[in-house]
PDB file of N, CA and C in Angstrom:
ATOM      1  N   MET A   1      17.990  -9.680  13.796  1.00  0.00           N
ATOM      2  CA  MET A   1      17.495  -9.547  14.143  1.00  0.00           C
ATOM      3  C   MET A   1      16.668 -10.108  13.096  1.00  0.00           C
ATOM      4  N   SER A   2      16.136 -11.276  12.842  1.00  0.00           N
ATOM      5  CA  SER A   2      16.032 -12.006  11.678  1.00  0.00           C
ATOM      6  C   SER A   2      15.035 -11.220  11.323  1.00  0.00           C
ATOM      7  N   GLU A   3      14.630 -11.593  10.497  1.00  0.00           N
ATOM      8  CA  GLU A   3      13.307 -11.330   9.842  1.00  0.00           C
ATOM      9  C   GLU A   3      12.391 -11.626  10.200  1.00  0.00           C
ATOM     10  N   LEU A   4      12.023 -13.778  10.655  1.00  0.00           N
ATOM     11  CA  LEU A   4      11.044 -13.622  11.380  1.00  0.00           C
ATOM     12  C   LEU A   4      10.628 -13.622  12.725  1.00  0.00           C
ATOM     13  N   GLN A   5      11.739 -12.698  13.633  1.00  0.00           N
ATOM     14  CA  GLN A   5      11.315 -12.936  14.747  1.00  0.00           C
ATOM     15  C   GLN A   5      11.670 -10.959  15.014  1.00  0.00           C
ATOM     16  N   ASP A   6      10.872 -10.077  13.823  1.00  0.00           N
ATOM     17  CA  ASP A   6      10.982  -8.570  13.582  1.00  0.00           C
ATOM     18  C   ASP A   6       9.333  -8.901  13.441  1.00  0.00           C
ATOM     19  N   GLN A   7       8.517  -8.409  14.318  1.00  0.00           N
ATOM     20  CA  GLN A   7       7.290  -8.086  14.162  1.00  0.00           C
ATOM     21  C   GLN A   7       6.773  -6.882  13.968  1.00  0.00           C
ATOM     22  N   SER A   8       7.692  -5.734  13.541  1.00  0.00           N
ATOM     23  CA  SER A   8       7.356  -4.690  13.438  1.00  0.00           C
ATOM     24  C   SER A   8       6.450  -3.887  12.493  1.00  0.00           C
ATOM     25  N   LEU A   9       6.324  -4.966  11.780  1.00  0.00           N
ATOM     26  CA  LEU A   9       5.112  -5.032  10.309  1.00  0.00           C
ATOM     27  C   LEU A   9       3.699  -5.777  10.495  1.00  0.00           C
ATOM     28  N   LEU A  10       3.638  -6.717  11.108  1.00  0.00           N
ATOM     29  CA  LEU A  10       2.592  -7.460  11.247  1.00  0.00           C
ATOM     30  C   LEU A  10       1.545  -6.492  12.094  1.00  0.00           C
ATOM     31  N   ASP A  11       0.540  -7.290  10.918  1.00  0.00           N
ATOM     32  CA  ASP A  11      -0.909  -6.569  11.010  1.00  0.00           C
ATOM     33  C   ASP A  11      -0.937  -4.531  10.778  1.00  0.00           C
ATOM     34  N   ARG A  12       0.160  -4.343  10.257  1.00  0.00           N
ATOM     35  CA  ARG A  12      -0.031  -2.991   9.787  1.00  0.00           C
ATOM     36  C   ARG A  12      -0.772  -2.453   9.011  1.00  0.00           C
ATOM     37  N   VAL A  13      -1.811  -1.658   8.058  1.00  0.00           N
ATOM     38  CA  VAL A  13      -2.133  -1.613   7.040  1.00  0.00           C
ATOM     39  C   VAL A  13      -0.934  -0.193   6.409  1.00  0.00           C
ATOM     40  N   VAL A  14      -0.517  -0.532   5.657  1.00  0.00           N
ATOM     41  CA  VAL A  14      -0.118   0.148   4.352  1.00  0.00           C
ATOM     42  C   VAL A  14      -0.081   0.364   3.031  1.00  0.00           C
ATOM     43  N   ILE A  15      -0.190   1.302   1.952  1.00  0.00           N
ATOM     44  CA  ILE A  15      -0.578   1.618   1.316  1.00  0.00           C
ATOM     45  C   ILE A  15       0.960   1.887   0.717  1.00  0.00           C
ATOM     46  N   VAL A  16       1.105   1.187  -0.911  1.00  0.00           N
ATOM     47  CA  VAL A  16       2.149   0.918  -1.579  1.00  0.00           C
ATOM     48  C   VAL A  16       1.775   1.441  -3.256  1.00  0.00           C
ATOM     49  N   THR A  17       1.718   2.791  -3.373  1.00  0.00           N
ATOM     50  CA  THR A  17       1.259   3.274  -4.539  1.00  0.00           C
ATOM     51  C   THR A  17       2.720   2.785  -5.050  1.00  0.00           C
ATOM     52  N   GLY A  18       1.463   3.194  -6.859  1.00  0.00           N
ATOM     53  CA  GLY A  18       2.864   2.402  -8.055  1.00  0.00           C
ATOM     54  C   GLY A  18       3.170   1.409  -7.184  1.00  0.00           C
ATOM     55  N   GLY A  19       3.041  -0.202  -6.702  1.00  0.00           N
ATOM     56  CA  GLY A  19       2.826  -1.084  -6.779  1.00  0.00           C
ATOM     57  C   GLY A  19       2.925  -2.438  -7.148  1.00  0.00           C
ATOM     58  N   ALA A  20       2.269  -2.221  -8.973  1.00  0.00           N
ATOM     59  CA  ALA A  20       1.648  -3.376  -9.802  1.00  0.00           C
ATOM     60  C   ALA A  20       2.766  -4.045 -10.423  1.00  0.00           C
ATOM     61  N   ARG A  21       4.256  -3.041 -10.556  1.00  0.00           N
ATOM     62  CA  ARG A  21       4.775  -3.348 -11.002  1.00  0.00           C
ATOM     63  C   ARG A  21       6.773  -3.011 -10.243  1.00  0.00           C
ATOM     64  N   GLY A  22       7.748  -3.830 -10.728  1.00  0.00           N
ATOM     65  CA  GLY A  22       9.034  -3.298 -10.408  1.00  0.00           C
ATOM     66  C   GLY A  22       9.339  -2.633  -8.808  1.00  0.00           C
ATOM     67  N   LEU A  23      10.004  -2.422  -8.701  1.00  0.00           N
ATOM     68  CA  LEU A  23      10.486  -1.945  -7.445  1.00  0.00           C
ATOM     69  C   LEU A  23       9.661  -1.981  -6.428  1.00  0.00           C
ATOM     70  N   GLY A  24       8.067  -0.719  -6.904  1.00  0.00           N
ATOM     71  CA  GLY A  24       6.933  -1.090  -6.036  1.00  0.00           C
ATOM     72  C   GLY A  24       6.093  -2.346  -5.736  1.00  0.00           C
ATOM     73  N   ARG A  25       6.391  -3.371  -6.838  1.00  0.00           N
ATOM     74  CA  ARG A  25       5.991  -4.434  -6.513  1.00  0.00           C
ATOM     75  C   ARG A  25       6.629  -5.079  -5.191  1.00  0.00           C
ATOM     76  N   GLU A  26       8.328  -5.185  -5.551  1.00  0.00           N
ATOM     77  CA  GLU A  26       9.291  -5.852  -4.515  1.00  0.00           C
ATOM     78  C   GLU A  26       9.015  -5.830  -3.280  1.00  0.00           C
ATOM     79  N   MET A  27       8.591  -4.322  -3.357  1.00  0.00           N
ATOM     80  CA  MET A  27       8.357  -3.636  -2.192  1.00  0.00           C
ATOM     81  C   MET A  27       6.918  -3.745  -0.984  1.00  0.00           C
ATOM     82  N   ALA A  28       6.003  -3.978  -2.049  1.00  0.00           N
ATOM     83  CA  ALA A  28       5.053  -4.162  -1.046  1.00  0.00           C
ATOM     84  C   ALA A  28       5.085  -5.658  -0.763  1.00  0.00           C
ATOM     85  N   LEU A  29       5.430  -6.834  -2.144  1.00  0.00           N
ATOM     86  CA  LEU A  29       5.332  -8.065  -1.165  1.00  0.00           C
ATOM     87  C   LEU A  29       6.400  -8.151  -0.353  1.00  0.00           C
ATOM     88  N   ALA A  30       7.212  -7.300   0.481  1.00  0.00           N
ATOM     89  CA  ALA A  30       8.019  -7.985   1.163  1.00  0.00           C
ATOM     90  C   ALA A  30       7.585  -7.586   2.442  1.00  0.00           C
ATOM     91  N   LEU A  31       6.614  -6.261   2.024  1.00  0.00           N
ATOM     92  CA  LEU A  31       6.032  -5.355   3.125  1.00  0.00           C
ATOM     93  C   LEU A  31       5.318  -7.087   4.227  1.00  0.00           C
ATOM     94  N   VAL A  32       4.315  -8.092   2.980  1.00  0.00           N
ATOM     95  CA  VAL A  32       3.647  -8.349   3.515  1.00  0.00           C
ATOM     96  C   VAL A  32       4.041  -9.802   3.268  1.00  0.00           C
ATOM     97  N   GLU A  33       5.052 -10.291   2.715  1.00  0.00           N
ATOM     98  CA  GLU A  33       6.056 -11.284   4.042  1.00  0.00           C
ATOM     99  C   GLU A  33       6.615 -11.032   5.339  1.00  0.00           C
ATOM    100  N   ARG A  34       6.560  -9.588   5.443  1.00  0.00           N
ATOM    101  CA  ARG A  34       6.626  -9.298   6.860  1.00  0.00           C
ATOM    102  C   ARG A  34       5.573  -9.161   7.816  1.00  0.00           C
ATOM    103  N   GLY A  35       4.095  -9.365   7.469  1.00  0.00           N
ATOM    104  CA  GLY A  35       3.095  -9.340   8.026  1.00  0.00           C
ATOM    105  C   GLY A  35       2.521  -7.770   7.644  1.00  0.00           C
ATOM    106  N   ALA A  36       2.414  -7.894   7.493  1.00  0.00           N
ATOM    107  CA  ALA A  36       1.658  -6.549   6.635  1.00  0.00           C
ATOM    108  C   ALA A  36       0.714  -6.416   5.703  1.00  0.00           C
ATOM    109  N   LYS A  37      -0.750  -5.650   6.594  1.00  0.00           N
ATOM    110  CA  LYS A  37      -1.647  -5.522   5.048  1.00  0.00           C
ATOM    111  C   LYS A  37      -1.867  -4.897   4.629  1.00  0.00           C
ATOM    112  N   LEU A  38      -1.756  -5.235   3.170  1.00  0.00           N
ATOM    113  CA  LEU A  38      -1.892  -4.449   1.748  1.00  0.00           C
ATOM    114  C   LEU A  38      -2.278  -3.783   1.046  1.00  0.00           C
ATOM    115  N   VAL A  39      -2.559  -2.383   1.241  1.00  0.00           N
ATOM    116  CA  VAL A  39      -3.568  -2.013  -0.601  1.00  0.00           C
ATOM    117  C   VAL A  39      -2.495  -0.927  -1.317  1.00  0.00           C
ATOM    118  N   VAL A  40      -2.618  -1.648  -2.694  1.00  0.00           N
ATOM    119  CA  VAL A  40      -1.291  -1.803  -3.672  1.00  0.00           C
ATOM    120  C   VAL A  40      -2.253  -1.031  -5.123  1.00  0.00           C
ATOM    121  N   THR A  41      -1.435  -0.239  -5.408  1.00  0.00           N
ATOM    122  CA  THR A  41      -1.972   1.074  -6.600  1.00  0.00           C
ATOM    123  C   THR A  41      -1.274   1.159  -7.709  1.00  0.00           C
ATOM    124  N   GLY A  42      -2.063   0.965  -8.240  1.00  0.00           N
ATOM    125  CA  GLY A  42      -1.573   0.977 -10.124  1.00  0.00           C
ATOM    126  C   GLY A  42      -2.438   1.991 -10.837  1.00  0.00           C
ATOM    127  N   ALA A  43      -1.546   2.748 -11.742  1.00  0.00           N
ATOM    128  CA  ALA A  43      -2.632   3.976 -12.457  1.00  0.00           C
ATOM    129  C   ALA A  43      -3.454   2.882 -12.891  1.00  0.00           C
ATOM    130  N   SER A  44      -3.965   2.082 -13.455  1.00  0.00           N
ATOM    131  CA  SER A  44      -5.273   1.534 -13.829  1.00  0.00           C
ATOM    132  C   SER A  44      -5.065   0.177 -13.376  1.00  0.00           C
ATOM    133  N   GLU A  45      -6.448  -0.870 -13.919  1.00  0.00           N
ATOM    134  CA  GLU A  45      -6.651  -1.736 -13.259  1.00  0.00           C
ATOM    135  C   GLU A  45      -5.823  -2.803 -14.748  1.00  0.00           C
ATOM    136  N   SER A  46      -4.693  -3.896 -14.180  1.00  0.00           N
ATOM    137  CA  SER A  46      -4.025  -4.059 -15.189  1.00  0.00           C
ATOM    138  C   SER A  46      -4.283  -5.504 -14.420  1.00  0.00           C
ATOM    139  N   ALA A  47      -3.146  -6.552 -15.222  1.00  0.00           N
ATOM    140  CA  ALA A  47      -2.745  -8.106 -15.502  1.00  0.00           C
ATOM    141  C   ALA A  47      -1.661  -7.364 -14.056  1.00  0.00           C
ATOM    142  N   ALA A  48      -1.177  -6.439 -14.306  1.00  0.00           N
ATOM    143  CA  ALA A  48       0.131  -6.306 -13.903  1.00  0.00           C
ATOM    144  C   ALA A  48      -0.305  -6.653 -11.893  1.00  0.00           C
ATOM    145  N   LEU A  49      -1.228  -5.090 -12.047  1.00  0.00           N
ATOM    146  CA  LEU A  49      -2.264  -5.137 -10.668  1.00  0.00           C
ATOM    147  C   LEU A  49      -2.820  -6.360 -10.200  1.00  0.00           C
ATOM    148  N   ARG A  50      -3.706  -7.131 -10.699  1.00  0.00           N
ATOM    149  CA  ARG A  50      -3.912  -8.379  -9.958  1.00  0.00           C
ATOM    150  C   ARG A  50      -3.606  -9.406 -10.030  1.00  0.00           C
ATOM    151  N   GLU A  51      -2.194  -9.769 -10.070  1.00  0.00           N
ATOM    152  CA  GLU A  51      -1.244 -10.211 -10.372  1.00  0.00           C
ATOM    153  C   GLU A  51      -0.481 -10.294  -9.040  1.00  0.00           C
ATOM    154  N   THR A  52       0.147  -8.670  -8.852  1.00  0.00           N
ATOM    155  CA  THR A  52       0.471  -8.472  -7.457  1.00  0.00           C
ATOM    156  C   THR A  52      -0.119  -8.719  -6.276  1.00  0.00           C
ATOM    157  N   VAL A  53      -1.277  -8.326  -6.629  1.00  0.00           N
ATOM    158  CA  VAL A  53      -2.507  -8.357  -5.266  1.00  0.00           C
ATOM    159  C   VAL A  53      -2.500 -10.141  -5.009  1.00  0.00           C
ATOM    160  N   ALA A  54      -2.584 -10.968  -6.394  1.00  0.00           N
ATOM    161  CA  ALA A  54      -2.506 -12.534  -6.362  1.00  0.00           C
ATOM    162  C   ALA A  54      -1.188 -13.137  -5.344  1.00  0.00           C
ATOM    163  N   ILE A  55      -0.237 -12.353  -5.884  1.00  0.00           N
ATOM    164  CA  ILE A  55       0.994 -13.531  -5.222  1.00  0.00           C
ATOM    165  C   ILE A  55       0.644 -12.680  -3.469  1.00  0.00           C
ATOM    166  N   ALA A  56       0.574 -11.251  -3.632  1.00  0.00           N
ATOM    167  CA  ALA A  56       0.439 -11.430  -2.014  1.00  0.00           C
ATOM    168  C   ALA A  56      -0.299 -11.892  -1.290  1.00  0.00           C
ATOM    169  N   GLN A  57      -1.471 -11.914  -1.281  1.00  0.00           N
ATOM    170  CA  GLN A  57      -2.327 -13.286  -1.037  1.00  0.00           C
ATOM    171  C   GLN A  57      -2.467 -14.520  -1.159  1.00  0.00           C
ATOM    172  N   THR A  58      -1.517 -15.120  -1.730  1.00  0.00           N
ATOM    173  CA  THR A  58      -0.584 -16.300  -2.103  1.00  0.00           C
ATOM    174  C   THR A  58      -0.321 -15.887  -0.643  1.00  0.00           C
ATOM    175  N   VAL A  59       1.250 -15.574  -0.245  1.00  0.00           N
ATOM    176  CA  VAL A  59       1.989 -15.022   1.004  1.00  0.00           C
ATOM    177  C   VAL A  59       1.114 -15.107   1.966  1.00  0.00           C
ATOM    178  N   ALA A  60       0.185 -13.883   1.867  1.00  0.00           N
ATOM    179  CA  ALA A  60       0.177 -13.663   3.307  1.00  0.00           C
ATOM    180  C   ALA A  60      -1.751 -14.204   4.102  1.00  0.00           C
ATOM    181  N   GLY A  61      -1.938 -14.560   2.669  1.00  0.00           N
ATOM    182  CA  GLY A  61      -3.858 -15.545   2.995  1.00  0.00           C
ATOM    183  C   GLY A  61      -4.574 -14.390   2.295  1.00  0.00           C
ATOM    184  N   PRO A  62      -5.756 -15.362   1.984  1.00  0.00           N
ATOM    185  CA  PRO A  62      -6.447 -14.213   1.330  1.00  0.00           C
ATOM    186  C   PRO A  62      -7.442 -12.702   2.427  1.00  0.00           C
ATOM    187  N   GLY A  63      -7.719 -11.788   2.190  1.00  0.00           N
ATOM    188  CA  GLY A  63      -7.862 -10.923   2.785  1.00  0.00           C
ATOM    189  C   GLY A  63      -7.139  -9.920   3.273  1.00  0.00           C
ATOM    190  N   ARG A  64      -6.262  -9.898   2.937  1.00  0.00           N
ATOM    191  CA  ARG A  64      -5.066  -9.544   3.410  1.00  0.00           C
ATOM    192  C   ARG A  64      -4.095  -8.028   2.880  1.00  0.00           C
ATOM    193  N   ALA A  65      -4.359  -8.433   1.583  1.00  0.00           N
ATOM    194  CA  ALA A  65      -3.918  -7.027   0.325  1.00  0.00           C
ATOM    195  C   ALA A  65      -5.169  -7.244  -0.319  1.00  0.00           C
ATOM    196  N   ILE A  66      -5.038  -5.566  -0.676  1.00  0.00           N
ATOM    197  CA  ILE A  66      -6.200  -4.982  -1.784  1.00  0.00           C
ATOM    198  C   ILE A  66      -5.846  -4.703  -2.957  1.00  0.00           C
ATOM    199  N   GLY A  67      -5.858  -4.377  -4.333  1.00  0.00           N
ATOM    200  CA  GLY A  67      -5.523  -3.729  -5.533  1.00  0.00           C
ATOM    201  C   GLY A  67      -6.493  -2.708  -6.092  1.00  0.00           C
ATOM    202  N   LEU A  68      -5.919  -1.291  -5.679  1.00  0.00           N
ATOM    203  CA  LEU A  68      -7.116  -0.535  -6.841  1.00  0.00           C
ATOM    204  C   LEU A  68      -6.109   0.114  -7.474  1.00  0.00           C
ATOM    205  N   ALA A  69      -7.161   0.856  -8.930  1.00  0.00           N
ATOM    206  CA  ALA A  69      -6.532   1.613  -9.738  1.00  0.00           C
ATOM    207  C   ALA A  69      -6.151   3.087  -9.368  1.00  0.00           C
ATOM    208  N   ALA A  70      -5.603   3.679  -9.302  1.00  0.00           N
ATOM    209  CA  ALA A  70      -5.356   5.255  -8.747  1.00  0.00           C
ATOM    210  C   ALA A  70      -4.494   5.783  -9.212  1.00  0.00           C
ATOM    211  N   ASP A  71      -4.999   7.288 -10.273  1.00  0.00           N
ATOM    212  CA  ASP A  71      -4.416   8.205 -10.520  1.00  0.00           C
ATOM    213  C   ASP A  71      -4.105   9.239  -9.706  1.00  0.00           C
ATOM    214  N   VAL A  72      -2.783   9.027  -8.628  1.00  0.00           N
ATOM    215  CA  VAL A  72      -2.272   9.449  -7.449  1.00  0.00           C
ATOM    216  C   VAL A  72      -1.649  10.518  -7.424  1.00  0.00           C
ATOM    217  N   ALA A  73      -2.292  11.869  -8.992  1.00  0.00           N
ATOM    218  CA  ALA A  73      -2.015  12.623  -9.173  1.00  0.00           C
ATOM    219  C   ALA A  73      -3.172  13.376  -9.330  1.00  0.00           C
ATOM    220  N   ASP A  74      -3.761  12.220  -8.798  1.00  0.00           N
ATOM    221  CA  ASP A  74      -5.633  13.473  -8.292  1.00  0.00           C
ATOM    222  C   ASP A  74      -5.916  13.403  -7.216  1.00  0.00           C
ATOM    223  N   PHE A  75      -6.056  14.322  -6.286  1.00  0.00           N
ATOM    224  CA  PHE A  75      -6.205  14.238  -4.636  1.00  0.00           C
ATOM    225  C   PHE A  75      -7.489  13.073  -4.814  1.00  0.00           C
ATOM    226  N   SER A  76      -8.938  13.273  -5.885  1.00  0.00           N
ATOM    227  CA  SER A  76     -10.312  12.771  -5.365  1.00  0.00           C
ATOM    228  C   SER A  76      -9.573  11.064  -4.977  1.00  0.00           C
ATOM    229  N   ALA A  77      -9.265  11.289  -6.316  1.00  0.00           N
ATOM    230  CA  ALA A  77      -8.343   8.926  -6.518  1.00  0.00           C
ATOM    231  C   ALA A  77      -7.210   8.457  -4.732  1.00  0.00           C
ATOM    232  N   CYS A  78      -6.885   9.813  -4.744  1.00  0.00           N
ATOM    233  CA  CYS A  78      -5.637   9.577  -3.065  1.00  0.00           C
ATOM    234  C   CYS A  78      -7.035   9.848  -2.010  1.00  0.00           C
ATOM    235  N   GLN A  79      -7.974  10.646  -1.820  1.00  0.00           N
ATOM    236  CA  GLN A  79      -9.162  10.314  -0.964  1.00  0.00           C
ATOM    237  C   GLN A  79      -9.621   9.303  -1.050  1.00  0.00           C
ATOM    238  N   SER A  80     -10.380   8.218  -2.413  1.00  0.00           N
ATOM    239  CA  SER A  80     -11.143   7.360  -1.815  1.00  0.00           C
ATOM    240  C   SER A  80      -9.593   6.208  -1.785  1.00  0.00           C
ATOM    241  N   VAL A  81      -8.729   6.189  -1.903  1.00  0.00           N
ATOM    242  CA  VAL A  81      -7.108   4.867  -1.374  1.00  0.00           C
ATOM    243  C   VAL A  81      -7.608   4.613  -0.344  1.00  0.00           C
ATOM    244  N   VAL A  82      -7.677   6.120   0.136  1.00  0.00           N
ATOM    245  CA  VAL A  82      -7.383   6.201   2.042  1.00  0.00           C
ATOM    246  C   VAL A  82      -9.173   5.628   2.475  1.00  0.00           C
ATOM    247  N   ALA A  83      -9.756   6.188   2.034  1.00  0.00           N
ATOM    248  CA  ALA A  83     -11.218   5.415   2.423  1.00  0.00           C
ATOM    249  C   ALA A  83     -11.225   4.039   2.299  1.00  0.00           C
ATOM    250  N   ALA A  84     -10.782   3.484   1.331  1.00  0.00           N
ATOM    251  CA  ALA A  84     -10.852   1.815   0.830  1.00  0.00           C
ATOM    252  C   ALA A  84     -10.316   1.649   2.037  1.00  0.00           C
ATOM    253  N   ALA A  85      -9.011   2.054   1.659  1.00  0.00           N
ATOM    254  CA  ALA A  85      -8.260   1.306   3.188  1.00  0.00           C
ATOM    255  C   ALA A  85      -9.021   0.823   4.415  1.00  0.00           C
ATOM    256  N   ILE A  86      -9.562   1.995   4.530  1.00  0.00           N
ATOM    257  CA  ILE A  86      -9.458   1.977   5.995  1.00  0.00           C
ATOM    258  C   ILE A  86     -11.290   1.743   6.098  1.00  0.00           C
ATOM    259  N   ALA A  87     -11.592   1.682   5.494  1.00  0.00           N
ATOM    260  CA  ALA A  87     -12.738   0.237   4.717  1.00  0.00           C
ATOM    261  C   ALA A  87     -12.295  -1.326   4.959  1.00  0.00           C
ATOM    262  N   ALA A  88     -10.601  -1.337   4.307  1.00  0.00           N
ATOM    263  CA  ALA A  88     -10.811  -2.925   4.450  1.00  0.00           C
ATOM    264  C   ALA A  88     -10.653  -3.240   5.408  1.00  0.00           C
ATOM    265  N   PHE A  89      -9.480  -2.369   6.375  1.00  0.00           N
ATOM    266  CA  PHE A  89      -8.409  -2.616   7.177  1.00  0.00           C
ATOM    267  C   PHE A  89      -8.638  -2.215   8.390  1.00  0.00           C
ATOM    268  N   GLY A  90     -10.143  -1.409   8.241  1.00  0.00           N
ATOM    269  CA  GLY A  90     -10.091  -0.209   9.915  1.00  0.00           C
ATOM    270  C   GLY A  90      -9.391   1.020   9.819  1.00  0.00           C
ATOM    271  N   THR A  91      -7.953   0.831   9.617  1.00  0.00           N
ATOM    272  CA  THR A  91      -7.100   2.027  10.118  1.00  0.00           C
ATOM    273  C   THR A  91      -5.782   2.205   8.641  1.00  0.00           C
ATOM    274  N   LEU A  92      -5.164   3.141   8.883  1.00  0.00           N
ATOM    275  CA  LEU A  92      -4.187   2.915   8.121  1.00  0.00           C
ATOM    276  C   LEU A  92      -2.642   3.337   8.638  1.00  0.00           C
ATOM    277  N   HIS A  93      -1.717   2.676   8.851  1.00  0.00           N
ATOM    278  CA  HIS A  93      -0.406   3.035   9.956  1.00  0.00           C
ATOM    279  C   HIS A  93       0.441   3.250   8.425  1.00  0.00           C
ATOM    280  N   VAL A  94       1.150   3.350   7.484  1.00  0.00           N
ATOM    281  CA  VAL A  94       2.227   3.617   6.173  1.00  0.00           C
ATOM    282  C   VAL A  94       2.198   3.639   5.195  1.00  0.00           C
ATOM    283  N   LEU A  95       2.282   4.968   4.478  1.00  0.00           N
ATOM    284  CA  LEU A  95       2.374   5.426   3.063  1.00  0.00           C
ATOM    285  C   LEU A  95       3.923   4.885   2.043  1.00  0.00           C
ATOM    286  N   VAL A  96       3.956   4.033   1.649  1.00  0.00           N
ATOM    287  CA  VAL A  96       4.772   3.918   0.259  1.00  0.00           C
ATOM    288  C   VAL A  96       4.393   4.802  -0.998  1.00  0.00           C
ATOM    289  N   ASN A  97       5.034   5.718  -0.977  1.00  0.00           N
ATOM    290  CA  ASN A  97       4.340   6.486  -2.029  1.00  0.00           C
ATOM    291  C   ASN A  97       6.063   6.790  -3.718  1.00  0.00           C
ATOM    292  N   ASN A  98       5.975   5.230  -3.773  1.00  0.00           N
ATOM    293  CA  ASN A  98       6.740   4.840  -5.124  1.00  0.00           C
ATOM    294  C   ASN A  98       6.053   5.329  -6.494  1.00  0.00           C
ATOM    295  N   ALA A  99       4.471   6.158  -6.021  1.00  0.00           N
ATOM    296  CA  ALA A  99       4.288   5.861  -8.106  1.00  0.00           C
ATOM    297  C   ALA A  99       5.011   7.285  -8.998  1.00  0.00           C
ATOM    298  N   GLY A 100       4.662   7.441 -10.061  1.00  0.00           N
ATOM    299  CA  GLY A 100       5.717   7.629 -10.554  1.00  0.00           C
ATOM    300  C   GLY A 100       5.730   9.784 -10.897  1.00  0.00           C
ATOM    301  N   GLN A 101       3.795   9.704 -10.518  1.00  0.00           N
ATOM    302  CA  GLN A 101       3.907  11.098  -9.912  1.00  0.00           C
ATOM    303  C   GLN A 101       2.927  11.580  -9.092  1.00  0.00           C
ATOM    304  N   GLY A 102       3.033  12.114  -8.518  1.00  0.00           N
ATOM    305  CA  GLY A 102       2.044  13.151  -7.494  1.00  0.00           C
ATOM    306  C   GLY A 102       2.655  12.628  -6.266  1.00  0.00           C
ATOM    307  N   MET A 103       2.270  13.573  -5.718  1.00  0.00           N
ATOM    308  CA  MET A 103       2.656  13.429  -3.914  1.00  0.00           C
ATOM    309  C   MET A 103       1.674  13.870  -3.486  1.00  0.00           C
ATOM    310  N   ARG A 104       0.033  13.901  -4.070  1.00  0.00           N
ATOM    311  CA  ARG A 104      -1.011  14.447  -3.026  1.00  0.00           C
ATOM    312  C   ARG A 104      -1.151  13.400  -1.997  1.00  0.00           C
ATOM    313  N   LEU A 105      -0.845  12.381  -1.621  1.00  0.00           N
ATOM    314  CA  LEU A 105      -1.264  10.863  -0.718  1.00  0.00           C
ATOM    315  C   LEU A 105      -1.034  11.213   0.231  1.00  0.00           C
ATOM    316  N   ILE A 106       0.031  12.410   0.012  1.00  0.00           N
ATOM    317  CA  ILE A 106       1.389  12.766   1.296  1.00  0.00           C
ATOM    318  C   ILE A 106       0.552  13.566   2.309  1.00  0.00           C
ATOM    319  N   ASN A 107       0.142  14.303   1.418  1.00  0.00           N
ATOM    320  CA  ASN A 107      -0.739  15.515   2.430  1.00  0.00           C
ATOM    321  C   ASN A 107      -2.456  15.070   3.102  1.00  0.00           C
ATOM    322  N   LEU A 108      -2.900  13.821   2.252  1.00  0.00           N
ATOM    323  CA  LEU A 108      -3.950  12.912   2.745  1.00  0.00           C
ATOM    324  C   LEU A 108      -3.689  12.112   3.684  1.00  0.00           C
ATOM    325  N   PHE A 109      -2.667  11.642   3.718  1.00  0.00           N
ATOM    326  CA  PHE A 109      -1.985  10.546   4.690  1.00  0.00           C
ATOM    327  C   PHE A 109      -1.986  11.902   6.091  1.00  0.00           C
ATOM    328  N   SER A 110      -1.061  12.521   5.874  1.00  0.00           N
ATOM    329  CA  SER A 110      -1.335  13.379   7.005  1.00  0.00           C
ATOM    330  C   SER A 110      -2.111  13.752   7.894  1.00  0.00           C
ATOM    331  N   SER A 111      -2.878  13.997   7.344  1.00  0.00           N
ATOM    332  CA  SER A 111      -4.238  14.220   7.356  1.00  0.00           C
ATOM    333  C   SER A 111      -5.398  13.607   8.477  1.00  0.00           C
ATOM    334  N   VAL A 112      -5.075  11.955   8.344  1.00  0.00           N
ATOM    335  CA  VAL A 112      -6.131  11.017   8.829  1.00  0.00           C
ATOM    336  C   VAL A 112      -5.010   9.981  10.259  1.00  0.00           C
ATOM    337  N   GLY A 113      -3.767  11.179  10.444  1.00  0.00           N
ATOM    338  CA  GLY A 113      -3.202  11.143  12.116  1.00  0.00           C
ATOM    339  C   GLY A 113      -2.231  10.834  11.974  1.00  0.00           C
ATOM    340  N   THR A 114      -1.585  11.127  10.913  1.00  0.00           N
ATOM    341  CA  THR A 114       0.089  10.179  11.287  1.00  0.00           C
ATOM    342  C   THR A 114       1.198  11.685  11.883  1.00  0.00           C
ATOM    343  N   THR A 115       1.821  11.708  12.644  1.00  0.00           N
ATOM    344  CA  THR A 115       2.283  12.589  13.019  1.00  0.00           C
ATOM    345  C   THR A 115       3.595  13.513  11.627  1.00  0.00           C
ATOM    346  N   LYS A 116       4.387  12.568  10.954  1.00  0.00           N
ATOM    347  CA  LYS A 116       5.338  12.934  10.564  1.00  0.00           C
ATOM    348  C   LYS A 116       5.454  12.070   9.408  1.00  0.00           C
ATOM    349  N   ILE A 117       5.731  12.530   8.464  1.00  0.00           N
ATOM    350  CA  ILE A 117       6.276  11.850   6.995  1.00  0.00           C
ATOM    351  C   ILE A 117       7.631  12.519   6.495  1.00  0.00           C
ATOM    352  N   ARG A 118       8.625  11.771   6.395  1.00  0.00           N
ATOM    353  CA  ARG A 118       9.955  11.810   5.813  1.00  0.00           C
ATOM    354  C   ARG A 118      10.161  11.770   4.953  1.00  0.00           C
ATOM    355  N   SER A 119      10.327  12.539   3.723  1.00  0.00           N
ATOM    356  CA  SER A 119      10.742  12.535   2.308  1.00  0.00           C
ATOM    357  C   SER A 119      12.084  12.015   1.712  1.00  0.00           C
ATOM    358  N   ASN A 120      11.993  11.936   1.295  1.00  0.00           N
ATOM    359  CA  ASN A 120      14.280  11.782   1.133  1.00  0.00           C
ATOM    360  C   ASN A 120      14.298  12.771  -0.157  1.00  0.00           C
TER     361      ASN A 120
END
C-alpha cells in the first residue's frame, strides 16, 4: 500500500517528545505528512522547536501542529503536555516517547484511555 493510500494516521493526535531535532523531528514530520495532528515537545523553547512546528504547519496546514517546551522527566510537565494536546485537538491517540530522559508520559498517557503501550 502506498503512503498516500494509508489513512491510518489521518487526524490521529500524536505527541512526539524530543521532536525538535534529530530523529524526533524526522518522526514528527513523517507523521504529519501522513495526516496526523502533531504536538511536538522540546526540552526548552528553541529555534529548532519553532522551526519544526513551522515545517509541520507548512506540510499539514495551519492549526495541525503545536510545539511545547516541556521537561518530560517532570510529571507535572507531562500532565501539561497531555492537557494542551486535548485542549488543542480534543483527544489523544499516540505517544512517541523519543525524549532523551524520562518515561513519565507513558504512565500519564495510559491514564487517558490507552489500553496498551508497548516499549522496545
